[in-house]
């Protein structure tokens, strides 16, 4: 039996490609960025991790952590190809090692892979669906639904979410406090990609819950947070990766 897998921002859905009811296959998956089939398993990029899920019963295991900004997954049956912050990577899912293949310019918003057909006619038991939980795709380097830091006025950066692409490198955003605003690509900073991030690098991060970003340096890291040592000497704080961006003067 062949299945079609989709994600809608809340759940992973499964339907029979021969027809039939679409069902909620796995609930409470709120931050799925990409999916693909790899060695008869469903590979899922969600939050900052990549998971391997059984296409039969939805049981899953964690394959890799600390992967931010994943935009596309693809498989050549030997390795997993990942498009994330910093470019394309190839991962061996057996030993979790990965290598950087080449950079991917940030102004490119959409990518796909063409795989040369295998010389055999072996059947593939499952099919895949690539999708997005976002409401659309911006034509330049940012995506609708993407979380960013945005310059407010002439001085400070605050966290926001892109709600609409206006074209010509202009966007509508919603700040974390609910304020709506129009902005340009030059005034936004994407989230920090954690691939290759080391302790001591300078970043900007949200202090407490006000949404405003302050300068600091990365300390100890986990899958979901990093310790930020603030530049002004305040006590270090644990900050979500969703509230940390590269430093900008």
Protein backbone atom coordinates (compact mmCIF):
# COMPACT_ATOMS: atom_id res chain seq x y z
CA UNK A 1 0.00 0.00 0.00
CA UNK A 2 1.27 3.48 -0.89
CA UNK A 3 0.74 6.40 1.44
CA UNK A 4 0.79 10.16 1.05
CA UNK A 5 2.07 12.12 4.05
CA UNK A 6 1.34 15.80 4.65
CA UNK A 7 1.70 18.27 7.49
CA UNK A 8 -0.63 21.18 8.22
CA UNK A 9 1.08 23.08 11.04
CA UNK A 10 -0.65 21.05 13.75
CA UNK A 11 -0.40 17.38 12.76
CA UNK A 12 1.04 14.89 10.29
CA UNK A 13 -1.65 13.50 8.01
CA UNK A 14 -1.70 10.20 6.10
CA UNK A 15 -3.87 9.09 3.22
CA UNK A 16 -3.94 6.13 0.85
CA UNK A 17 -2.80 7.15 -2.64
CA UNK A 18 -5.37 4.74 -4.10
CA UNK A 19 -8.10 6.79 -2.47
CA UNK A 20 -9.66 6.81 0.93
CA UNK A 21 -9.91 8.86 4.06
CA UNK A 22 -7.17 11.24 5.16
CA UNK A 23 -6.39 10.61 8.82
CA UNK A 24 -4.42 12.40 11.52
CA UNK A 25 -1.44 10.07 11.67
CA UNK A 26 0.53 11.92 14.37
CA UNK A 27 -0.91 14.76 16.42
CA UNK A 28 0.77 17.65 18.22
CA UNK A 29 3.58 18.21 15.72
CA UNK A 30 3.39 22.00 15.64
CA UNK A 31 6.74 23.03 14.20
CA UNK A 32 7.33 20.72 11.23
CA UNK A 33 9.48 22.35 8.54
CA UNK A 34 10.10 19.52 6.09
CA UNK A 35 9.56 15.78 5.49
CA UNK A 36 10.91 13.09 3.20
CA UNK A 37 11.12 9.30 2.98
CA UNK A 38 14.49 7.71 3.72
CA UNK A 39 15.16 3.97 3.85
CA UNK A 40 11.45 3.26 4.31
CA UNK A 41 11.18 5.68 7.24
CA UNK A 42 9.55 9.10 7.38
CA UNK A 43 12.19 11.75 8.18
CA UNK A 44 10.78 14.86 9.84
CA UNK A 45 12.46 18.20 10.60
CA UNK A 46 10.66 19.82 13.53
CA UNK A 47 11.82 22.54 15.91
CA UNK A 48 15.60 22.03 16.10
CA UNK A 49 15.68 18.26 15.58
CA UNK A 50 15.31 15.65 12.85
CA UNK A 51 13.22 12.58 13.66
CA UNK A 52 12.75 9.15 12.06
CA UNK A 53 9.15 7.89 12.19
CA UNK A 54 7.59 4.55 11.30
CA UNK A 55 5.09 5.03 8.43
CA UNK A 56 2.98 2.26 9.95
CA UNK A 57 2.44 3.19 13.60
CA UNK A 58 3.97 6.71 14.04
CA UNK A 59 6.57 5.59 16.58
CA UNK A 60 9.67 7.74 16.23
CA UNK A 61 13.23 8.29 17.39
CA UNK A 62 15.47 11.35 17.34
CA UNK A 63 18.07 11.22 14.56
CA UNK A 64 19.87 14.53 15.10
CA UNK A 65 19.61 17.71 17.15
CA UNK A 66 20.74 21.33 16.83
CA UNK A 67 19.55 21.75 13.25
CA UNK A 68 17.91 25.13 12.85
CA UNK A 69 16.42 26.66 9.75
CA UNK A 70 15.79 23.36 7.93
CA UNK A 71 13.87 24.16 4.73
CA UNK A 72 14.09 20.95 2.73
CA UNK A 73 14.92 17.28 3.24
CA UNK A 74 15.69 14.82 0.47
CA UNK A 75 17.04 11.29 0.34
CA UNK A 76 19.22 9.46 -2.16
CA UNK A 77 18.73 6.22 -0.14
CA UNK A 78 22.37 6.33 0.94
CA UNK A 79 22.37 9.62 2.81
CA UNK A 80 20.00 12.36 3.91
CA UNK A 81 20.33 15.70 2.12
CA UNK A 82 19.47 18.73 4.22
CA UNK A 83 18.93 22.34 3.18
CA UNK A 84 19.38 24.43 6.33
CA UNK A 85 20.95 27.66 7.51
CA UNK A 86 24.37 27.82 5.90
CA UNK A 87 23.67 25.65 2.86
CA UNK A 88 23.34 22.03 1.80
CA UNK A 89 24.52 19.18 4.01
CA UNK A 90 24.78 15.43 3.57
CA UNK A 91 24.14 13.27 6.65
CA UNK A 92 24.84 9.61 7.29
CA UNK A 93 21.80 8.59 9.34
CA UNK A 94 23.60 5.55 10.77
CA UNK A 95 26.41 7.35 12.58
CA UNK A 96 24.89 10.90 12.45
CA UNK A 97 28.00 12.38 10.83
CA UNK A 98 27.43 15.14 8.30
CA UNK A 99 29.41 17.28 5.91
CA UNK A 100 28.82 20.65 4.29
CA UNK A 101 28.33 20.33 0.53
CA UNK A 102 27.97 23.93 -0.62
CA UNK A 103 26.40 27.24 0.36
CA UNK A 104 22.85 28.16 -0.56
CA UNK A 105 22.32 31.90 -1.18
CA UNK A 106 19.78 33.28 1.34
CA UNK A 107 17.89 35.16 -1.38
CA UNK A 108 16.76 31.84 -2.87
CA UNK A 109 13.43 30.99 -1.24
CA UNK A 110 12.57 27.72 -2.98
CA UNK A 111 14.66 24.71 -3.90
CA UNK A 112 14.06 21.25 -5.27
CA UNK A 113 16.18 18.24 -6.15
CA UNK A 114 16.11 16.11 -9.28
CA UNK A 115 17.26 12.56 -8.69
CA UNK A 116 18.32 10.49 -11.69
CA UNK A 117 16.10 7.38 -11.91
CA UNK A 118 17.71 4.18 -10.74
CA UNK A 119 18.47 1.61 -13.46
CA UNK A 120 16.23 -0.95 -11.77
CA UNK A 121 12.44 -1.03 -11.58
CA UNK A 122 12.28 -1.88 -7.89
CA UNK A 123 9.03 -0.70 -6.37
CA UNK A 124 8.98 2.06 -3.75
CA UNK A 125 6.53 1.17 -0.98
CA UNK A 126 5.83 4.73 0.15
CA UNK A 127 5.49 8.14 -1.42
CA UNK A 128 6.33 11.50 0.06
CA UNK A 129 4.80 14.93 0.27
CA UNK A 130 6.82 18.10 0.73
CA UNK A 131 4.82 20.96 2.17
CA UNK A 132 4.90 23.95 4.44
CA UNK A 133 2.95 25.01 7.47
CA UNK A 134 3.49 28.64 6.47
CA UNK A 135 0.75 30.60 4.70
CA UNK A 136 2.89 31.37 1.65
CA UNK A 137 6.37 31.85 0.29
CA UNK A 138 8.06 35.20 -0.02
CA UNK A 139 9.76 35.78 -3.37
CA UNK A 140 13.13 36.76 -1.96
CA UNK A 141 15.15 35.60 1.04
CA UNK A 142 12.42 35.41 3.68
CA UNK A 143 9.35 33.18 4.03
CA UNK A 144 5.85 34.09 5.14
CA UNK A 145 5.51 32.64 8.63
CA UNK A 146 9.25 32.99 9.31
CA UNK A 147 10.35 34.32 12.69
CA UNK A 148 12.80 37.22 12.47
CA UNK A 149 14.23 40.14 14.38
CA UNK A 150 13.11 43.45 12.93
CA UNK A 151 14.37 46.98 13.42
CA UNK A 152 11.88 49.24 15.18
CA UNK A 153 12.37 52.92 14.45
CA UNK A 154 16.04 53.78 14.22
CA UNK A 155 17.47 51.92 17.17
CA UNK A 156 16.34 48.57 18.59
CA UNK A 157 15.49 45.14 17.23
CA UNK A 158 12.39 43.21 18.35
CA UNK A 159 11.20 39.69 17.52
CA UNK A 160 8.43 39.40 14.94
CA UNK A 161 6.81 37.04 12.44
CA UNK A 162 6.40 37.72 8.72
CA UNK A 163 2.69 37.70 7.82
CA UNK A 164 2.71 38.76 4.16
CA UNK A 165 5.06 39.40 1.25
CA UNK A 166 4.38 42.71 -0.49
CA UNK A 167 6.93 42.20 -3.28
CA UNK A 168 9.99 44.29 -4.05
CA UNK A 169 11.70 43.06 -0.84
CA UNK A 170 8.93 44.47 1.37
CA UNK A 171 6.90 42.58 3.97
CA UNK A 172 4.19 42.87 6.57
CA UNK A 173 5.18 41.65 10.03
CA UNK A 174 3.60 41.14 13.43
CA UNK A 175 5.78 41.92 16.46
CA UNK A 176 5.49 39.64 19.47
CA UNK A 177 3.39 42.26 21.28
CA UNK A 178 0.84 42.19 18.44
CA UNK A 179 1.92 45.40 16.71
CA UNK A 180 1.59 45.24 12.92
CA UNK A 181 4.04 47.00 10.65
CA UNK A 182 5.45 47.14 7.12
CA UNK A 183 9.18 46.63 6.73
CA UNK A 184 11.91 45.80 4.24
CA UNK A 185 14.29 42.89 3.86
CA UNK A 186 17.20 45.10 4.96
CA UNK A 187 15.58 45.70 8.36
CA UNK A 188 15.15 42.02 9.24
CA UNK A 189 17.55 39.44 10.64
CA UNK A 190 16.79 35.67 10.42
CA UNK A 191 17.17 33.38 13.42
CA UNK A 192 20.64 32.14 14.23
CA UNK A 193 21.47 28.87 12.48
CA UNK A 194 22.98 26.57 15.11
CA UNK A 195 25.01 24.47 12.68
CA UNK A 196 28.61 25.16 13.58
CA UNK A 197 27.70 27.55 16.40
CA UNK A 198 30.26 27.59 19.18
CA UNK A 199 30.34 29.05 22.65
CA UNK A 200 31.61 32.61 22.75
CA UNK A 201 30.15 33.94 19.50
CA UNK A 202 28.41 37.30 19.74
CA UNK A 203 24.65 37.36 19.15
CA UNK A 204 21.52 39.33 19.94
CA UNK A 205 18.87 37.69 22.09
CA UNK A 206 15.63 38.48 23.88
CA UNK A 207 16.03 39.35 27.54
CA UNK A 208 13.16 38.13 29.72
CA UNK A 209 9.86 38.40 27.78
CA UNK A 210 9.74 41.91 26.37
CA UNK A 211 10.73 40.93 22.82
CA UNK A 212 13.59 43.42 22.66
CA UNK A 213 17.02 42.07 21.72
CA UNK A 214 20.26 42.79 23.52
CA UNK A 215 23.87 41.90 22.75
CA UNK A 216 25.53 38.93 24.42
CA UNK A 217 27.60 35.82 23.82
CA UNK A 218 26.59 32.18 23.48
CA UNK A 219 27.33 29.95 26.45
CA UNK A 220 26.30 26.36 27.15
CA UNK A 221 23.81 25.03 24.58
CA UNK A 222 20.97 22.50 24.60
CA UNK A 223 18.54 21.36 21.93
CA UNK A 224 16.07 24.14 22.72
CA UNK A 225 18.02 26.92 24.48
CA UNK A 226 21.38 28.59 24.88
CA UNK A 227 22.85 30.39 27.85
CA UNK A 228 23.40 34.05 26.94
CA UNK A 229 26.09 36.01 28.75
CA UNK A 230 24.88 39.58 28.41
CA UNK A 231 27.23 42.29 27.24
CA UNK A 232 26.01 44.72 29.93
CA UNK A 233 27.06 42.34 32.71
CA UNK A 234 23.60 41.11 33.70
CA UNK A 235 23.32 37.55 34.98
CA UNK A 236 23.28 34.94 32.18
CA UNK A 237 19.88 33.78 30.95
CA UNK A 238 18.60 30.67 29.20
CA UNK A 239 17.09 31.86 25.92
CA UNK A 240 15.14 29.86 23.34
CA UNK A 241 16.76 29.44 19.93
CA UNK A 242 13.57 31.08 18.63
CA UNK A 243 14.73 34.33 20.27
CA UNK A 244 18.39 34.45 19.16
CA UNK A 245 19.75 36.08 15.98
CA UNK A 246 23.24 36.87 14.64
CA UNK A 247 24.75 40.08 16.00
CA UNK A 248 24.35 43.21 13.92
CA UNK A 249 25.76 46.66 14.70
